[in-house]
């Protein structure tokens, strides 16, 4: 699979609604980009993310995200063959639990 250059503008418009996309740095803000693509992205965004960082780097970032949703963490856990209990979102209890995750 040949690498293509991926830019923030290539991702779906809705993903980074809470920041100025022009100030996102693909290397510096990896964890943020990984989190939002995993939680809110379409399959096109997943493919871009995979092409941009590769599974190993995506996994490294995902493991560190404390508020990653369970579905996204399990997805990466299965793909990377890393146990779900190694993810910070599994080991860190959120103070304000979402109402549907009682």
Protein backbone atom coordinates (compact mmCIF):
# COMPACT_ATOMS: atom_id res chain seq x y z
CA UNK A 1 0.00 0.00 0.00
CA UNK A 2 1.60 3.25 -1.07
CA UNK A 3 1.56 6.20 1.31
CA UNK A 4 -0.30 9.32 0.29
CA UNK A 5 0.13 12.70 1.91
CA UNK A 6 -2.75 13.29 4.31
CA UNK A 7 -3.79 16.78 5.41
CA UNK A 8 -6.28 17.82 8.09
CA UNK A 9 -8.54 19.17 5.34
CA UNK A 10 -8.89 15.61 3.96
CA UNK A 11 -10.86 14.47 7.02
CA UNK A 12 -14.63 14.90 7.30
CA UNK A 13 -15.73 18.46 8.01
CA UNK A 14 -17.56 17.60 11.26
CA UNK A 15 -14.63 15.97 13.05
CA UNK A 16 -12.80 18.97 14.44
CA UNK A 17 -15.70 21.30 15.12
CA UNK A 18 -14.31 22.54 18.44
CA UNK A 19 -10.94 23.85 17.23
CA UNK A 20 -9.48 25.97 14.47
CA UNK A 21 -8.47 23.26 11.97
CA UNK A 22 -5.81 25.51 10.48
CA UNK A 23 -3.91 25.33 13.80
CA UNK A 24 -3.96 21.53 14.09
CA UNK A 25 -0.52 20.03 13.63
CA UNK A 26 -0.61 16.42 12.41
CA UNK A 27 2.43 15.41 14.48
CA UNK A 28 1.92 17.56 17.56
CA UNK A 29 -1.81 16.81 17.98
CA UNK A 30 -1.82 13.09 17.19
CA UNK A 31 -3.75 12.03 20.28
CA UNK A 32 -6.51 14.56 19.61
CA UNK A 33 -6.80 13.57 15.93
CA UNK A 34 -6.83 9.85 16.75
CA UNK A 35 -9.51 10.33 19.41
CA UNK A 36 -11.89 12.30 17.21
CA UNK A 37 -11.47 10.08 14.17
CA UNK A 38 -12.03 6.92 16.22
CA UNK A 39 -15.06 8.30 18.04
CA UNK A 40 -16.76 10.37 15.33
CA UNK A 41 -15.17 9.56 11.98
CA UNK A 42 -16.51 7.72 8.97
CA UNK A 43 -14.73 4.76 7.36
CA UNK A 44 -13.06 7.23 4.96
CA UNK A 45 -11.60 9.03 7.98
CA UNK A 46 -10.38 5.74 9.48
CA UNK A 47 -8.58 4.92 6.24
CA UNK A 48 -6.95 8.36 6.18
CA UNK A 49 -5.88 7.96 9.81
CA UNK A 50 -4.45 4.51 9.13
CA UNK A 51 -2.54 5.85 6.14
CA UNK A 52 -1.32 8.85 8.14
CA UNK A 53 -0.08 7.11 11.30
CA UNK A 54 -0.29 3.34 10.82
CA UNK A 55 -1.90 0.95 13.30
CA UNK A 56 1.01 0.93 15.74
CA UNK A 57 1.02 4.71 16.24
CA UNK A 58 -2.79 4.86 16.37
CA UNK A 59 -2.71 2.20 19.08
CA UNK A 60 0.02 4.01 21.05
CA UNK A 61 -2.13 7.13 21.08
CA UNK A 62 -5.43 5.36 21.76
CA UNK A 63 -3.99 3.59 24.81
CA UNK A 64 -3.23 7.00 26.36
CA UNK A 65 -6.67 8.59 25.82
CA UNK A 66 -8.50 8.61 29.16
CA UNK A 67 -11.92 9.49 27.77
CA UNK A 68 -11.95 7.31 24.66
CA UNK A 69 -15.32 5.61 24.34
CA UNK A 70 -15.54 1.89 24.95
CA UNK A 71 -16.51 1.03 21.35
CA UNK A 72 -13.44 2.78 19.91
CA UNK A 73 -11.09 1.29 22.50
CA UNK A 74 -12.42 -2.22 21.87
CA UNK A 75 -12.05 -1.71 18.12
CA UNK A 76 -8.37 -0.78 18.45
CA UNK A 77 -7.83 -3.48 21.07
CA UNK A 78 -9.06 -6.15 18.66
CA UNK A 79 -7.12 -4.79 15.67
CA UNK A 80 -3.88 -4.40 17.59
CA UNK A 81 -4.26 -7.54 19.70
CA UNK A 82 -3.64 -5.50 22.87
CA UNK A 83 -5.88 -6.33 25.85
CA UNK A 84 -8.62 -3.79 26.53
CA UNK A 85 -7.51 -3.47 30.17
CA UNK A 86 -4.24 -1.85 28.97
CA UNK A 87 -6.16 1.23 27.77
CA UNK A 88 -6.34 4.26 30.09
CA UNK A 89 -10.04 4.64 29.33
CA UNK A 90 -10.50 1.24 30.98
CA UNK A 91 -8.33 1.95 34.01
CA UNK A 92 -9.35 5.58 34.61
CA UNK A 93 -12.71 6.28 36.23
CA UNK A 94 -14.31 9.47 34.89
CA UNK A 95 -15.72 11.88 37.48
CA UNK A 96 -18.72 12.76 35.33
CA UNK A 97 -20.04 9.57 33.85
CA UNK A 98 -22.16 9.85 30.76
CA UNK A 99 -25.81 9.19 31.51
CA UNK A 100 -26.02 6.15 29.20
CA UNK A 101 -22.96 4.41 30.68
CA UNK A 102 -24.32 3.73 34.16
